[in-house]
Structures are given as structure tokens and as C-alpha cells.
N, C-alpha and C. Protein backbone atom coordinates (compact mmCIF):
# COMPACT_ATOMS: atom_id res chain seq x y z
N MET A 1 -60.08 -103.55 3.08
CA MET A 1 -60.49 -102.20 3.52
C MET A 1 -60.73 -102.16 5.02
N LEU A 2 -61.51 -103.10 5.50
CA LEU A 2 -61.84 -103.13 6.96
C LEU A 2 -60.57 -103.29 7.79
N SER A 3 -59.70 -104.23 7.37
CA SER A 3 -58.47 -104.45 8.14
C SER A 3 -57.62 -103.19 8.22
N ARG A 4 -57.59 -102.45 7.11
CA ARG A 4 -56.81 -101.21 7.06
C ARG A 4 -57.37 -100.19 8.06
N ILE A 5 -58.71 -100.10 8.14
CA ILE A 5 -59.34 -99.16 9.08
C ILE A 5 -59.04 -99.57 10.51
N PHE A 6 -59.09 -100.87 10.82
CA PHE A 6 -58.84 -101.32 12.14
C PHE A 6 -57.34 -101.15 12.53
N ASP A 7 -56.47 -101.35 11.56
CA ASP A 7 -55.04 -101.10 11.82
C ASP A 7 -54.80 -99.64 12.16
N ASN A 8 -55.42 -98.75 11.35
CA ASN A 8 -55.28 -97.31 11.64
C ASN A 8 -55.86 -96.93 12.99
N GLU A 9 -56.99 -97.55 13.30
CA GLU A 9 -57.67 -97.27 14.57
C GLU A 9 -56.73 -97.64 15.73
N PHE A 10 -56.14 -98.85 15.64
CA PHE A 10 -55.25 -99.29 16.70
C PHE A 10 -54.03 -98.36 16.78
N TYR A 11 -53.49 -97.98 15.65
CA TYR A 11 -52.31 -97.10 15.60
C TYR A 11 -52.63 -95.77 16.28
N TYR A 12 -53.75 -95.13 15.87
CA TYR A 12 -54.07 -93.83 16.46
C TYR A 12 -54.37 -93.94 17.93
N LEU A 13 -55.09 -94.97 18.37
CA LEU A 13 -55.42 -95.14 19.77
C LEU A 13 -54.15 -95.34 20.61
N SER A 14 -53.21 -96.16 20.09
CA SER A 14 -51.95 -96.38 20.84
C SER A 14 -51.12 -95.12 20.86
N LEU A 15 -51.16 -94.37 19.77
CA LEU A 15 -50.40 -93.09 19.71
C LEU A 15 -50.97 -92.09 20.73
N ILE A 16 -52.33 -91.98 20.76
CA ILE A 16 -52.98 -91.10 21.70
C ILE A 16 -52.65 -91.52 23.14
N TYR A 17 -52.70 -92.82 23.40
CA TYR A 17 -52.42 -93.34 24.72
C TYR A 17 -51.01 -92.98 25.16
N SER A 18 -50.03 -93.21 24.26
CA SER A 18 -48.65 -92.94 24.62
C SER A 18 -48.42 -91.45 24.82
N LEU A 19 -49.09 -90.61 24.02
CA LEU A 19 -48.95 -89.17 24.22
C LEU A 19 -49.56 -88.73 25.54
N PHE A 20 -50.71 -89.31 25.91
CA PHE A 20 -51.31 -88.98 27.20
C PHE A 20 -50.37 -89.36 28.35
N LEU A 21 -49.75 -90.52 28.21
CA LEU A 21 -48.86 -90.99 29.29
C LEU A 21 -47.67 -90.01 29.42
N ARG A 22 -47.29 -89.41 28.30
CA ARG A 22 -46.15 -88.45 28.36
C ARG A 22 -46.62 -87.05 28.66
N LYS A 23 -47.91 -86.87 28.85
CA LYS A 23 -48.51 -85.59 29.26
C LYS A 23 -48.41 -84.48 28.20
N TYR A 24 -48.44 -84.89 26.92
CA TYR A 24 -48.50 -83.86 25.86
C TYR A 24 -49.98 -83.58 25.55
N ASN A 25 -50.67 -82.89 26.46
CA ASN A 25 -52.13 -82.79 26.38
C ASN A 25 -52.59 -82.00 25.16
N ASN A 26 -51.95 -80.90 24.80
CA ASN A 26 -52.40 -80.10 23.65
C ASN A 26 -52.27 -80.87 22.36
N ILE A 27 -51.13 -81.52 22.14
CA ILE A 27 -50.91 -82.32 20.95
C ILE A 27 -51.95 -83.45 20.88
N THR A 28 -52.17 -84.09 22.01
CA THR A 28 -53.12 -85.18 22.06
C THR A 28 -54.50 -84.77 21.69
N LYS A 29 -54.92 -83.60 22.21
CA LYS A 29 -56.26 -83.09 21.87
C LYS A 29 -56.39 -82.82 20.40
N LYS A 30 -55.35 -82.29 19.78
CA LYS A 30 -55.35 -82.03 18.33
C LYS A 30 -55.49 -83.35 17.56
N ILE A 31 -54.76 -84.37 17.98
CA ILE A 31 -54.85 -85.69 17.29
C ILE A 31 -56.24 -86.27 17.48
N VAL A 32 -56.77 -86.18 18.70
CA VAL A 32 -58.13 -86.70 18.95
C VAL A 32 -59.14 -86.02 18.05
N ASN A 33 -59.03 -84.67 17.93
CA ASN A 33 -59.96 -83.92 17.10
C ASN A 33 -59.83 -84.35 15.64
N LEU A 34 -58.62 -84.44 15.14
CA LEU A 34 -58.41 -84.89 13.73
C LEU A 34 -58.96 -86.28 13.53
N TYR A 35 -58.71 -87.12 14.49
CA TYR A 35 -59.12 -88.52 14.40
C TYR A 35 -60.65 -88.62 14.39
N ASN A 36 -61.31 -87.83 15.23
CA ASN A 36 -62.78 -87.82 15.28
C ASN A 36 -63.36 -87.33 13.99
N LYS A 37 -62.70 -86.35 13.35
CA LYS A 37 -63.22 -85.82 12.05
C LYS A 37 -63.06 -86.87 10.94
N LYS A 38 -61.95 -87.58 10.95
CA LYS A 38 -61.67 -88.53 9.87
C LYS A 38 -62.60 -89.78 9.96
N LEU A 39 -62.69 -90.37 11.12
CA LEU A 39 -63.42 -91.62 11.27
C LEU A 39 -64.55 -91.41 12.34
N THR A 40 -65.68 -90.95 11.85
CA THR A 40 -66.76 -90.62 12.76
C THR A 40 -67.74 -91.79 12.92
N THR A 41 -67.31 -92.77 13.67
CA THR A 41 -68.23 -93.87 14.04
C THR A 41 -68.37 -93.91 15.56
N CYS A 42 -69.52 -94.40 16.01
CA CYS A 42 -69.80 -94.46 17.44
C CYS A 42 -68.72 -95.27 18.18
N LYS A 43 -68.32 -96.38 17.58
CA LYS A 43 -67.32 -97.24 18.24
C LYS A 43 -66.04 -96.48 18.57
N ILE A 44 -65.55 -95.72 17.59
CA ILE A 44 -64.28 -95.02 17.80
C ILE A 44 -64.43 -93.89 18.81
N HIS A 45 -65.53 -93.15 18.76
CA HIS A 45 -65.80 -92.13 19.78
C HIS A 45 -65.83 -92.76 21.16
N LEU A 46 -66.53 -93.88 21.24
CA LEU A 46 -66.66 -94.55 22.51
C LEU A 46 -65.29 -95.05 23.04
N LYS A 47 -64.49 -95.58 22.13
CA LYS A 47 -63.17 -96.04 22.55
C LYS A 47 -62.28 -94.88 23.03
N ILE A 48 -62.36 -93.75 22.33
CA ILE A 48 -61.56 -92.58 22.76
C ILE A 48 -62.06 -92.08 24.10
N GLU A 49 -63.37 -92.01 24.30
CA GLU A 49 -63.93 -91.57 25.59
C GLU A 49 -63.53 -92.52 26.70
N LEU A 50 -63.60 -93.83 26.44
CA LEU A 50 -63.22 -94.81 27.45
C LEU A 50 -61.71 -94.70 27.76
N LEU A 51 -60.93 -94.46 26.70
CA LEU A 51 -59.48 -94.31 26.88
C LEU A 51 -59.20 -93.09 27.74
N ASN A 52 -59.83 -91.96 27.42
CA ASN A 52 -59.65 -90.72 28.20
C ASN A 52 -60.06 -90.94 29.66
N PHE A 53 -61.20 -91.57 29.85
CA PHE A 53 -61.69 -91.84 31.19
C PHE A 53 -60.74 -92.74 31.96
N GLY A 54 -60.25 -93.79 31.27
CA GLY A 54 -59.34 -94.72 31.89
C GLY A 54 -58.05 -94.03 32.37
N ILE A 55 -57.54 -93.13 31.55
CA ILE A 55 -56.30 -92.41 31.90
C ILE A 55 -56.56 -91.46 33.05
N LEU A 56 -57.66 -90.74 33.02
CA LEU A 56 -57.98 -89.80 34.09
C LEU A 56 -58.18 -90.58 35.39
N PHE A 57 -58.87 -91.71 35.31
CA PHE A 57 -59.11 -92.54 36.50
C PHE A 57 -57.79 -93.07 37.08
N ARG A 58 -56.91 -93.46 36.17
CA ARG A 58 -55.59 -93.97 36.58
C ARG A 58 -54.76 -92.89 37.28
N LYS A 59 -54.79 -91.68 36.72
CA LYS A 59 -54.04 -90.57 37.31
C LYS A 59 -54.56 -90.25 38.73
N LYS A 60 -55.88 -90.23 38.90
CA LYS A 60 -56.48 -89.95 40.20
C LYS A 60 -56.16 -91.04 41.22
N LYS A 61 -56.16 -92.27 40.73
CA LYS A 61 -55.89 -93.41 41.59
C LYS A 61 -54.46 -93.39 42.12
N VAL A 62 -53.52 -93.03 41.23
CA VAL A 62 -52.11 -93.03 41.58
C VAL A 62 -51.83 -91.93 42.61
N ARG A 63 -52.43 -90.74 42.41
CA ARG A 63 -52.21 -89.65 43.36
C ARG A 63 -53.05 -89.88 44.56
């Protein structure tokens, strides 16, 4: 059970990351919202927040 959750977590996070990189912001927000509703643990929220921050930071740094 735990391994399945972690596999899904990795899948969704990588999917969100790839969508952000391709700049599909609306779709990404929908996926993040669905993901937050399904698996509401602090770790996952924190990972998504860190992921979002990392991408925003990267975009600012590049420009």
C-alpha cells in the first residue's frame, strides 16, 4: 500500500513538473488541486509548494 502511494506521488509530481516546464499553467493548477484533495498529507503539500517555489525561482533566475 505504501509503495503504491509513493509511486503515485512521484508520478503526479513529475507530471506537474513537466507541465509547468511546458507552461500549461491552468491544467497544472487543476492537477495540483485534484492531487491536494486526494492525498492530503503535510509532506505532499510541502513537496508541491517547494516544487512551485523551485520553478518560480528558476524562471526568475533565467530571466
